[in-house]
N, C-alpha and C. Protein backbone atom coordinates (compact mmCIF):
# COMPACT_ATOMS: atom_id res chain seq x y z
N MET A 1 19.28 0.38 -45.47
CA MET A 1 19.30 -0.42 -43.65
C MET A 1 19.10 0.00 -43.03
N SER A 2 18.98 1.38 -42.47
CA SER A 2 18.24 2.72 -41.77
C SER A 2 16.95 2.81 -41.50
N GLN A 3 16.57 2.39 -42.94
CA GLN A 3 15.34 2.49 -43.18
C GLN A 3 14.44 1.30 -42.41
N ASP A 4 14.90 0.42 -43.07
CA ASP A 4 14.31 -0.77 -42.53
C ASP A 4 14.44 -0.94 -40.87
N VAL A 5 15.36 -0.57 -40.44
CA VAL A 5 15.38 -0.74 -38.94
C VAL A 5 13.96 0.42 -38.41
N GLU A 6 14.16 1.14 -38.86
CA GLU A 6 12.92 2.49 -38.43
C GLU A 6 11.45 1.51 -39.08
N ILE A 7 11.50 1.11 -39.59
CA ILE A 7 9.93 0.27 -39.86
C ILE A 7 9.71 -0.32 -39.45
N GLU A 8 10.85 -1.50 -38.87
CA GLU A 8 10.49 -2.61 -37.41
C GLU A 8 10.20 -1.83 -35.97
N ILE A 9 11.33 -0.91 -35.91
CA ILE A 9 10.91 -0.11 -34.70
C ILE A 9 9.79 0.64 -33.99
N SER A 10 8.84 0.88 -35.90
CA SER A 10 7.41 1.00 -36.27
C SER A 10 6.14 0.63 -35.53
N LYS A 11 6.82 -0.86 -36.56
CA LYS A 11 6.34 -1.93 -36.03
C LYS A 11 5.87 -2.70 -34.46
N LEU A 12 7.11 -2.80 -33.90
CA LEU A 12 7.28 -2.24 -32.28
C LEU A 12 6.62 -2.07 -31.50
N LEU A 13 6.64 -1.17 -31.98
CA LEU A 13 6.36 0.08 -30.91
C LEU A 13 4.94 0.61 -31.27
N HIS A 14 4.60 -0.10 -32.88
CA HIS A 14 2.71 0.04 -33.22
C HIS A 14 1.82 -0.74 -32.13
N SER A 15 2.86 -2.68 -31.76
CA SER A 15 2.18 -3.46 -31.67
C SER A 15 2.60 -3.34 -29.88
N SER A 16 3.33 -2.57 -29.60
CA SER A 16 2.92 -2.39 -28.08
C SER A 16 2.55 -0.91 -27.27
N PHE A 17 2.00 -0.34 -28.39
CA PHE A 17 1.45 0.90 -27.94
C PHE A 17 0.62 1.26 -28.41
N SER A 18 -0.21 0.52 -28.97
CA SER A 18 -1.44 1.01 -30.01
C SER A 18 -2.76 1.35 -29.18
N GLY A 19 -2.86 1.30 -28.18
CA GLY A 19 -3.76 2.19 -26.71
C GLY A 19 -2.96 3.45 -27.02
N GLY A 20 -2.15 4.37 -26.91
CA GLY A 20 -2.01 5.06 -25.93
C GLY A 20 -1.93 4.98 -24.87
N THR A 21 -1.20 3.87 -24.16
CA THR A 21 -1.64 3.84 -22.49
C THR A 21 -0.01 3.84 -22.03
N ALA A 22 0.70 5.14 -21.13
CA ALA A 22 2.39 5.00 -21.16
C ALA A 22 2.13 4.06 -19.99
N VAL A 23 3.46 2.87 -20.68
CA VAL A 23 3.63 1.76 -20.00
C VAL A 23 5.52 1.80 -19.40
N SER A 24 5.83 1.48 -17.97
CA SER A 24 7.46 1.31 -17.71
C SER A 24 7.73 1.24 -18.38
N MET A 25 9.21 0.97 -18.17
CA MET A 25 10.14 0.26 -18.76
C MET A 25 10.32 -1.44 -18.58
N THR A 26 9.98 -2.24 -17.42
CA THR A 26 10.11 -2.87 -16.92
C THR A 26 9.45 -3.98 -17.51
N ASP A 27 7.80 -3.23 -17.49
CA ASP A 27 6.00 -3.57 -18.02
C ASP A 27 6.67 -4.30 -19.94
N LEU A 28 7.30 -2.96 -20.07
CA LEU A 28 7.67 -3.14 -22.17
C LEU A 28 8.47 -4.95 -22.03
N SER A 29 9.48 -4.10 -21.40
CA SER A 29 10.98 -5.65 -21.66
C SER A 29 10.41 -6.74 -21.08
N ARG A 30 9.22 -6.74 -19.67
CA ARG A 30 8.41 -7.72 -19.38
C ARG A 30 7.30 -8.24 -20.13
N MET A 31 7.23 -7.38 -21.41
CA MET A 31 5.61 -8.07 -22.33
C MET A 31 6.38 -8.63 -23.49
N TRP A 32 7.12 -8.01 -24.11
CA TRP A 32 8.36 -8.08 -25.19
C TRP A 32 8.91 -9.70 -24.70
N SER A 33 9.77 -9.83 -23.23
CA SER A 33 10.04 -10.75 -23.38
C SER A 33 9.01 -12.55 -22.92
N LEU A 34 8.39 -12.15 -21.79
CA LEU A 34 7.57 -13.11 -21.31
C LEU A 34 6.33 -13.50 -22.08
N GLU A 35 5.81 -12.81 -22.26
CA GLU A 35 4.45 -12.27 -23.05
C GLU A 35 4.42 -12.84 -24.58
N MET A 36 5.09 -12.21 -25.24
CA MET A 36 5.54 -11.79 -27.02
C MET A 36 6.39 -13.08 -26.75
N GLN A 37 7.47 -13.45 -26.09
CA GLN A 37 8.40 -14.30 -26.39
C GLN A 37 9.15 -13.85 -27.72
N TRP A 38 9.91 -12.80 -27.37
CA TRP A 38 10.02 -11.41 -28.91
C TRP A 38 11.67 -11.98 -28.02
N PHE A 39 11.85 -11.89 -27.26
CA PHE A 39 13.45 -11.87 -26.10
C PHE A 39 13.71 -12.62 -25.58
N SER A 40 15.08 -12.45 -25.43
CA SER A 40 15.27 -12.72 -23.68
C SER A 40 14.98 -12.03 -22.88
N PRO A 41 14.90 -11.53 -21.42
CA PRO A 41 14.79 -10.78 -20.56
C PRO A 41 15.58 -9.28 -20.69
N ASP A 42 17.04 -10.14 -20.69
CA ASP A 42 17.60 -8.85 -20.41
C ASP A 42 18.04 -8.41 -22.13
N SER A 43 17.81 -9.07 -23.34
CA SER A 43 17.64 -8.00 -24.08
C SER A 43 16.35 -7.31 -24.21
N ALA A 44 15.36 -7.77 -24.38
CA ALA A 44 14.40 -7.35 -24.50
C ALA A 44 15.05 -5.52 -23.14
N LEU A 45 14.76 -5.63 -21.87
CA LEU A 45 15.32 -4.39 -21.00
C LEU A 45 16.36 -3.63 -22.12
N SER A 46 17.06 -3.91 -22.35
CA SER A 46 18.39 -3.51 -23.24
C SER A 46 17.65 -2.76 -24.48
N LEU A 47 16.41 -3.16 -25.17
CA LEU A 47 16.10 -2.73 -26.17
C LEU A 47 15.17 -1.55 -25.73
N ALA A 48 14.53 -1.57 -24.97
CA ALA A 48 13.90 -0.69 -24.11
C ALA A 48 14.83 0.79 -23.51
N ARG A 49 15.77 0.03 -23.23
CA ARG A 49 16.58 0.85 -22.94
C ARG A 49 17.52 2.18 -23.74
N SER A 50 17.52 1.67 -24.80
CA SER A 50 18.56 2.08 -26.02
C SER A 50 17.51 2.61 -27.50
N LEU A 51 15.60 2.09 -27.18
CA LEU A 51 14.80 3.27 -27.78
C LEU A 51 14.68 4.37 -26.86
N HIS A 52 14.86 4.11 -25.59
CA HIS A 52 14.26 6.12 -24.99
C HIS A 52 16.15 6.67 -24.99
N SER A 53 16.94 5.60 -24.94
CA SER A 53 18.14 6.69 -25.52
C SER A 53 18.38 7.38 -26.64
N THR A 54 17.48 6.31 -27.82
CA THR A 54 17.47 7.75 -29.10
C THR A 54 16.58 8.25 -29.55
N GLY A 55 15.31 8.03 -28.93
CA GLY A 55 14.17 9.34 -28.55
C GLY A 55 12.43 8.38 -29.19
N TRP A 56 13.06 7.59 -29.69
CA TRP A 56 11.96 6.23 -29.81
C TRP A 56 10.89 6.33 -29.08
N LEU A 57 11.31 6.06 -27.88
CA LEU A 57 10.65 6.04 -26.31
C LEU A 57 11.08 7.11 -25.37
N VAL A 58 9.84 7.73 -25.14
CA VAL A 58 9.98 9.67 -24.80
C VAL A 58 8.49 9.50 -22.74
N GLY A 59 9.51 10.26 -22.08
CA GLY A 59 8.96 10.05 -20.82
C GLY A 59 9.68 9.19 -20.34
N SER A 60 9.64 9.29 -18.07
CA SER A 60 9.77 8.83 -17.62
C SER A 60 10.24 7.48 -17.83
N PRO A 61 11.57 6.50 -17.23
CA PRO A 61 11.54 4.67 -17.40
C PRO A 61 9.94 4.41 -16.12
N ASP A 62 9.08 4.63 -15.77
CA ASP A 62 7.99 4.28 -15.18
C ASP A 62 7.24 4.52 -15.96
N SER A 63 7.00 5.45 -17.04
CA SER A 63 5.75 6.23 -17.84
C SER A 63 6.16 6.57 -19.33
N LEU A 64 6.78 5.07 -20.50
CA LEU A 64 6.76 5.96 -21.02
C LEU A 64 6.01 4.99 -22.45
N GLU A 65 6.30 6.12 -23.24
CA GLU A 65 5.10 5.96 -24.82
C GLU A 65 6.15 6.25 -26.11
N PRO A 66 6.20 6.06 -27.05
CA PRO A 66 6.66 6.02 -27.72
C PRO A 66 6.24 7.90 -28.32
N CYS A 67 7.22 8.79 -29.46
CA CYS A 67 7.07 9.71 -29.50
C CYS A 67 6.76 9.76 -30.12
N SER A 68 6.03 11.09 -30.93
CA SER A 68 4.68 11.52 -31.46
C SER A 68 5.73 11.54 -33.24
N SER A 69 6.22 12.02 -33.60
CA SER A 69 7.03 11.91 -35.06
C SER A 69 6.81 9.98 -35.58
N ILE A 70 6.73 8.84 -34.18
CA ILE A 70 7.13 8.01 -35.41
C ILE A 70 6.25 7.33 -36.83
N PRO A 71 6.45 7.57 -37.67
CA PRO A 71 5.26 6.47 -38.82
C PRO A 71 4.72 5.25 -38.47
N ASP A 72 3.41 5.19 -39.09
CA ASP A 72 2.54 4.12 -38.15
C ASP A 72 2.72 3.28 -39.31
N HIS A 73 3.48 2.07 -38.54
CA HIS A 73 3.40 0.62 -39.75
C HIS A 73 2.83 -0.50 -39.03
N PRO A 74 1.05 -1.04 -39.36
CA PRO A 74 1.05 -1.88 -38.39
C PRO A 74 1.57 -3.22 -38.60
N PRO A 75 1.92 -3.89 -37.97
CA PRO A 75 2.91 -5.43 -38.04
C PRO A 75 1.49 -6.08 -39.14
N GLU A 76 2.18 -7.26 -39.69
CA GLU A 76 1.05 -7.76 -40.69
C GLU A 76 1.18 -8.86 -39.46
N MET A 77 0.10 -10.21 -39.87
CA MET A 77 -0.41 -11.36 -39.12
C MET A 77 0.90 -11.92 -39.07
N GLY A 78 1.48 -12.35 -38.44
CA GLY A 78 2.33 -13.48 -37.93
C GLY A 78 4.40 -12.73 -38.35
N TRP A 79 3.76 -11.13 -37.73
CA TRP A 79 5.42 -10.46 -37.59
C TRP A 79 5.90 -11.43 -35.96
N ARG A 80 7.08 -10.87 -36.60
CA ARG A 80 8.20 -10.68 -34.85
C ARG A 80 9.12 -9.97 -35.29
N PRO A 81 9.97 -9.10 -34.17
CA PRO A 81 10.92 -8.42 -34.46
C PRO A 81 12.38 -9.12 -35.22
N PHE A 82 13.24 -8.63 -35.50
CA PHE A 82 14.17 -9.36 -35.86
C PHE A 82 15.11 -8.58 -34.98
N LEU A 83 16.35 -9.00 -34.08
CA LEU A 83 16.99 -9.04 -33.01
C LEU A 83 17.86 -8.32 -33.37
N SER A 84 18.27 -8.36 -34.58
CA SER A 84 19.62 -8.76 -34.92
C SER A 84 19.30 -7.14 -35.59
N ARG A 85 18.77 -6.05 -36.19
CA ARG A 85 18.58 -5.13 -37.06
C ARG A 85 18.25 -4.48 -35.44
N PHE A 86 18.18 -4.29 -34.82
CA PHE A 86 18.43 -3.74 -33.92
C PHE A 86 19.81 -3.52 -32.88
N GLU A 87 20.48 -3.87 -33.51
CA GLU A 87 22.32 -3.53 -33.09
C GLU A 87 22.55 -2.26 -33.66
N GLU A 88 22.44 -1.67 -34.44
CA GLU A 88 22.65 -0.43 -35.11
C GLU A 88 21.09 0.64 -35.07
N MET A 89 21.11 1.12 -33.60
CA MET A 89 19.77 2.06 -33.55
C MET A 89 19.56 3.21 -34.00
N PRO A 90 19.01 3.52 -35.14
CA PRO A 90 18.29 5.04 -35.08
C PRO A 90 18.21 5.86 -34.64
N GLU A 91 18.53 6.72 -34.43
CA GLU A 91 17.65 8.54 -33.93
C GLU A 91 16.04 8.17 -34.27
N ALA A 92 15.34 8.81 -33.40
CA ALA A 92 14.12 8.07 -33.94
C ALA A 92 14.19 10.04 -34.89
N PRO A 93 12.88 10.00 -35.80
CA PRO A 93 12.72 10.24 -36.81
C PRO A 93 12.36 12.46 -35.98
N ASP A 94 12.78 13.17 -36.68
CA ASP A 94 12.38 14.04 -35.87
C ASP A 94 12.23 14.40 -34.88
N THR A 95 12.64 14.07 -33.77
CA THR A 95 12.86 13.64 -32.25
C THR A 95 12.32 15.24 -31.93
N ASP A 96 10.95 15.46 -30.81
CA ASP A 96 9.89 16.46 -30.36
C ASP A 96 10.50 16.41 -29.09
N VAL A 97 11.45 17.89 -29.08
CA VAL A 97 12.37 17.91 -27.83
C VAL A 97 11.73 18.15 -26.95
N GLU A 98 10.64 19.44 -27.12
CA GLU A 98 9.73 19.44 -25.86
C GLU A 98 8.55 18.22 -25.45
N ASN A 99 8.35 17.17 -25.96
CA ASN A 99 8.28 15.91 -25.61
C ASN A 99 8.22 15.21 -24.31
N GLU A 100 10.14 15.28 -25.28
CA GLU A 100 10.87 14.64 -23.81
C GLU A 100 11.46 15.19 -22.88
N THR A 101 11.17 15.95 -22.82
CA THR A 101 11.39 16.85 -21.61
C THR A 101 9.98 16.67 -20.68
N SER A 102 9.05 16.55 -20.92
CA SER A 102 7.72 16.75 -20.48
C SER A 102 7.36 15.44 -19.15
N THR A 103 6.39 16.23 -18.43
CA THR A 103 6.49 15.21 -17.40
C THR A 103 4.94 14.05 -17.85
N PRO A 104 4.73 13.46 -17.12
CA PRO A 104 4.11 12.11 -17.93
C PRO A 104 2.47 13.29 -17.08
N GLU A 105 2.48 14.37 -16.47
CA GLU A 105 1.09 15.13 -15.39
C GLU A 105 0.63 15.59 -17.36
N ASP A 106 1.84 16.56 -17.94
CA ASP A 106 1.52 17.18 -19.10
C ASP A 106 1.31 15.73 -20.33
N ASN A 107 1.98 15.19 -20.32
CA ASN A 107 1.05 14.74 -21.17
C ASN A 107 0.32 14.00 -21.15
N ILE A 108 -0.76 13.66 -20.41
CA ILE A 108 -2.00 13.58 -19.88
C ILE A 108 -2.63 14.69 -20.23
N ALA A 109 -2.46 15.84 -19.70
CA ALA A 109 -2.70 17.04 -19.78
C ALA A 109 -3.38 17.52 -21.65
N GLU A 110 -1.93 17.39 -21.99
CA GLU A 110 -1.95 17.46 -23.87
C GLU A 110 -3.51 16.25 -24.33
N LYS A 111 -2.92 15.52 -24.09
CA LYS A 111 -3.89 13.86 -24.33
C LYS A 111 -5.01 14.80 -23.99
N ASN A 112 -6.19 15.07 -23.09
CA ASN A 112 -7.36 15.34 -22.45
C ASN A 112 -7.72 16.32 -23.71
N GLU A 113 -7.19 16.79 -23.35
CA GLU A 113 -8.27 17.56 -24.70
C GLU A 113 -8.39 17.50 -26.14
N GLY A 114 -9.90 18.32 -26.34
CA GLY A 114 -10.30 17.87 -27.08
C GLY A 114 -11.35 17.13 -26.99
N GLY A 115 -11.49 16.29 -26.44
CA GLY A 115 -11.94 14.97 -25.89
C GLY A 115 -11.76 13.55 -26.03
N GLU A 116 -10.63 13.52 -25.94
CA GLU A 116 -9.75 12.44 -26.68
C GLU A 116 -8.36 11.76 -25.47
N SER A 117 -9.38 11.34 -24.34
CA SER A 117 -8.34 10.71 -23.24
C SER A 117 -7.39 9.58 -23.76
N SER A 118 -6.37 10.15 -22.62
CA SER A 118 -5.47 8.66 -23.43
C SER A 118 -5.27 8.59 -24.73
N GLY A 119 -4.77 9.35 -25.83
CA GLY A 119 -4.60 9.84 -27.03
C GLY A 119 -5.26 8.62 -27.75
N LEU A 120 -6.36 7.97 -27.34
CA LEU A 120 -7.00 7.41 -27.78
C LEU A 120 -8.25 8.33 -29.08
N GLY A 121 -8.50 7.16 -30.63
CA GLY A 121 -9.32 8.18 -31.48
C GLY A 121 -10.40 8.64 -30.94
N ILE A 122 -11.57 9.23 -31.73
CA ILE A 122 -12.39 9.80 -30.63
C ILE A 122 -14.06 8.74 -31.04
N PRO A 123 -13.72 7.31 -32.28
CA PRO A 123 -14.30 6.33 -31.30
C PRO A 123 -14.03 4.78 -30.40
N THR A 124 -13.24 5.18 -30.56
CA THR A 124 -12.14 4.58 -29.34
C THR A 124 -12.53 4.90 -27.97
N ALA A 125 -12.73 6.38 -27.85
CA ALA A 125 -12.41 6.99 -26.88
C ALA A 125 -14.21 6.93 -26.57
N ARG A 126 -15.09 7.58 -27.04
CA ARG A 126 -16.37 7.19 -27.98
C ARG A 126 -16.95 5.65 -26.50
N MET A 127 -16.57 4.60 -26.67
CA MET A 127 -16.16 3.15 -27.04
C MET A 127 -15.84 3.09 -24.76
N ALA A 128 -14.94 3.41 -24.97
CA ALA A 128 -14.84 3.85 -23.14
C ALA A 128 -15.38 4.82 -22.98
N SER A 129 -15.98 5.65 -23.14
CA SER A 129 -17.10 5.87 -22.00
C SER A 129 -18.30 5.43 -21.88
N ILE A 130 -18.70 5.40 -22.65
CA ILE A 130 -20.09 4.03 -23.30
C ILE A 130 -20.03 2.80 -22.47
N VAL A 131 -18.79 2.35 -22.17
CA VAL A 131 -18.28 0.58 -21.51
C VAL A 131 -18.46 1.86 -19.52
N SER A 132 -17.32 2.39 -19.42
CA SER A 132 -17.99 3.11 -18.23
C SER A 132 -19.08 3.38 -18.08
N SER A 133 -19.82 4.29 -18.77
CA SER A 133 -21.10 4.99 -18.60
C SER A 133 -22.07 3.34 -17.82
N MET A 134 -21.99 2.10 -18.54
CA MET A 134 -23.03 0.96 -18.41
C MET A 134 -22.30 -0.17 -17.45
N SER A 135 -21.40 0.34 -17.04
CA SER A 135 -20.85 -0.65 -16.22
C SER A 135 -20.43 -0.88 -14.73
N GLY A 136 -20.49 1.05 -14.98
CA GLY A 136 -19.59 1.68 -13.52
C GLY A 136 -18.83 1.65 -12.71
N LEU A 137 -17.89 1.40 -14.16
CA LEU A 137 -16.15 1.09 -14.33
C LEU A 137 -15.50 2.60 -14.35
N ASP A 138 -14.68 3.21 -13.58
CA ASP A 138 -13.80 4.66 -14.50
C ASP A 138 -13.26 3.91 -15.69
N ARG A 139 -13.80 5.29 -16.41
CA ARG A 139 -12.83 5.18 -18.13
C ARG A 139 -11.96 4.99 -17.67
N ARG A 140 -10.67 5.51 -17.56
CA ARG A 140 -9.80 5.35 -17.10
C ARG A 140 -9.39 3.63 -16.92
N GLU A 141 -10.22 2.82 -16.37
CA GLU A 141 -10.02 1.16 -15.59
C GLU A 141 -10.16 0.57 -17.03
N VAL A 142 -11.27 1.35 -18.14
CA VAL A 142 -12.03 0.37 -19.32
C VAL A 142 -10.60 0.27 -19.97
N ILE A 143 -9.89 1.94 -19.71
CA ILE A 143 -9.17 1.70 -21.29
C ILE A 143 -7.95 0.51 -20.47
N ARG A 144 -7.40 0.59 -18.88
CA ARG A 144 -6.25 -0.08 -18.16
C ARG A 144 -6.68 -1.49 -18.79
N ARG A 145 -8.11 -1.75 -18.86
CA ARG A 145 -8.08 -3.46 -18.66
C ARG A 145 -8.03 -3.10 -20.01
N ALA A 146 -9.02 -2.72 -20.64
CA ALA A 146 -8.67 -3.07 -22.42
C ALA A 146 -7.69 -3.27 -23.24
N GLU A 147 -6.53 -2.59 -22.59
CA GLU A 147 -4.66 -2.50 -22.98
C GLU A 147 -4.11 -4.11 -22.43
N ARG A 148 -4.40 -3.85 -21.21
CA ARG A 148 -3.81 -5.43 -20.72
C ARG A 148 -4.70 -6.52 -21.29
N LYS A 149 -5.99 -6.87 -21.94
CA LYS A 149 -6.44 -7.53 -22.49
C LYS A 149 -6.52 -7.68 -23.75
N ARG A 150 -5.13 -6.71 -24.40
CA ARG A 150 -5.06 -6.12 -26.10
C ARG A 150 -3.70 -7.39 -25.98
N ARG A 151 -2.82 -6.56 -24.35
CA ARG A 151 -1.87 -7.23 -25.06
C ARG A 151 -1.48 -8.53 -24.53
N ALA A 152 -2.27 -8.90 -23.69
CA ALA A 152 -2.54 -10.77 -23.17
C ALA A 152 -3.13 -11.42 -25.25
N LEU A 153 -3.68 -10.87 -25.80
CA LEU A 153 -4.09 -11.51 -27.08
C LEU A 153 -3.67 -11.28 -27.88
N GLY A 154 -2.17 -10.56 -28.28
CA GLY A 154 -1.68 -10.22 -29.21
C GLY A 154 -2.77 -9.13 -29.70
N PRO A 155 -1.77 -9.67 -31.06
CA PRO A 155 -2.78 -8.72 -32.21
C PRO A 155 -3.54 -8.22 -32.13
N VAL A 156 -4.90 -7.73 -31.42
CA VAL A 156 -5.94 -7.59 -31.36
C VAL A 156 -6.24 -5.93 -30.89
N SER A 157 -6.74 -5.17 -32.41
CA SER A 157 -6.72 -3.73 -31.78
C SER A 157 -7.81 -3.41 -30.40
N VAL A 158 -7.75 -2.51 -30.15
CA VAL A 158 -8.22 -1.83 -29.11
C VAL A 158 -9.71 -1.86 -28.86
N GLU A 159 -10.41 -1.73 -30.06
CA GLU A 159 -11.64 -1.13 -29.80
C GLU A 159 -12.14 -3.02 -29.41
N ILE A 160 -10.96 -3.73 -30.04
CA ILE A 160 -11.85 -5.29 -29.43
C ILE A 160 -11.74 -5.38 -28.37
N ALA A 161 -10.26 -4.70 -28.11
CA ALA A 161 -10.64 -5.24 -26.30
C ALA A 161 -11.25 -5.03 -25.66
N ILE A 162 -11.74 -3.23 -25.91
CA ILE A 162 -13.09 -3.18 -25.00
C ILE A 162 -14.93 -3.69 -25.14
N LEU A 163 -14.34 -4.06 -26.58
CA LEU A 163 -16.06 -4.73 -26.57
C LEU A 163 -15.89 -6.37 -25.78
N LEU A 164 -14.72 -7.39 -25.80
CA LEU A 164 -14.24 -7.93 -25.08
C LEU A 164 -14.67 -7.69 -23.42
N LEU A 165 -14.17 -6.32 -22.74
CA LEU A 165 -14.08 -6.46 -21.46
C LEU A 165 -16.27 -6.19 -21.06
N ALA A 166 -16.84 -5.80 -22.36
CA ALA A 166 -18.16 -5.72 -21.89
C ALA A 166 -18.73 -6.57 -21.62
N ARG A 167 -18.13 -7.52 -22.83
CA ARG A 167 -18.96 -8.93 -22.90
C ARG A 167 -19.09 -9.69 -21.50
N GLU A 168 -17.58 -9.49 -20.60
CA GLU A 168 -17.11 -9.48 -19.38
C GLU A 168 -18.47 -9.52 -18.64
N GLN A 169 -18.82 -7.79 -19.05
CA GLN A 169 -19.69 -7.61 -18.02
C GLN A 169 -20.61 -7.28 -18.41
N ASN A 170 -20.87 -8.03 -19.39
CA ASN A 170 -22.30 -8.70 -19.60
C ASN A 170 -23.57 -7.17 -19.84
N LEU A 171 -22.68 -6.66 -20.79
CA LEU A 171 -23.22 -5.22 -20.86
C LEU A 171 -24.05 -5.59 -22.53
N ASP A 172 -24.74 -5.05 -22.69
CA ASP A 172 -25.39 -4.51 -24.22
C ASP A 172 -24.45 -4.42 -24.95
N LEU A 173 -24.25 -5.12 -26.08
CA LEU A 173 -22.90 -4.98 -27.31
C LEU A 173 -23.19 -3.78 -28.43
N ARG A 174 -24.81 -3.67 -28.15
CA ARG A 174 -25.23 -3.84 -29.86
C ARG A 174 -24.54 -1.64 -30.50
N GLU A 175 -24.98 -1.00 -29.21
CA GLU A 175 -24.37 -0.03 -29.24
C GLU A 175 -22.77 0.50 -29.58
N LEU A 176 -22.24 -0.42 -28.58
CA LEU A 176 -20.85 -0.21 -29.04
C LEU A 176 -20.24 -1.18 -30.43
N ILE A 177 -21.11 -1.69 -31.07
CA ILE A 177 -21.08 -2.53 -32.87
C ILE A 177 -21.09 -1.42 -33.90
N GLY A 178 -22.34 -0.77 -32.98
CA GLY A 178 -22.63 0.27 -33.88
C GLY A 178 -21.06 0.97 -34.18
N LEU A 179 -20.90 1.05 -33.34
CA LEU A 179 -19.63 3.01 -33.88
C LEU A 179 -18.25 1.83 -34.05
N LEU A 180 -18.22 0.80 -34.54
CA LEU A 180 -17.06 0.18 -35.34
C LEU A 180 -17.21 0.47 -36.78
N ASP A 181 -18.46 1.02 -37.20
CA ASP A 181 -18.33 0.98 -38.50
C ASP A 181 -17.94 2.15 -39.14
């Protein structure tokens, strides 16, 4: 049963944080309750607090991210979390104590190493950089807008959200689409 709960939590966090951007506890509970309509507002906030206290979410309540040791289980189409399973909250697997005590500034510095800002993969980070230079928007603003678009649309990858943002900016998408291959 614990393995099922861990997979369910992994799917929940994958769908909530696929772009690597930190989110406040209130924004996370608002997304789960109002945007996704998975939980009531009180249940969503309680779940976010529980995930934070058990190590699944790390950082301060104003800047939460999933812990680094979470296995990647992308949710299948039409997936919804089962609230009843979250009554027994297991500890996060191999919780990294150093990551829990680090500040948001430390996390940003770690993620900026190697050219992968905001925890994005290299193709996604490259797409964000290209859209930034073509549109005149700051790279962080491109990522923020893409994350917001991704959350609003549901199970959409960050790459597709960046493409939609580029289209809204009337940019030429050929170079960006070539990065998806």
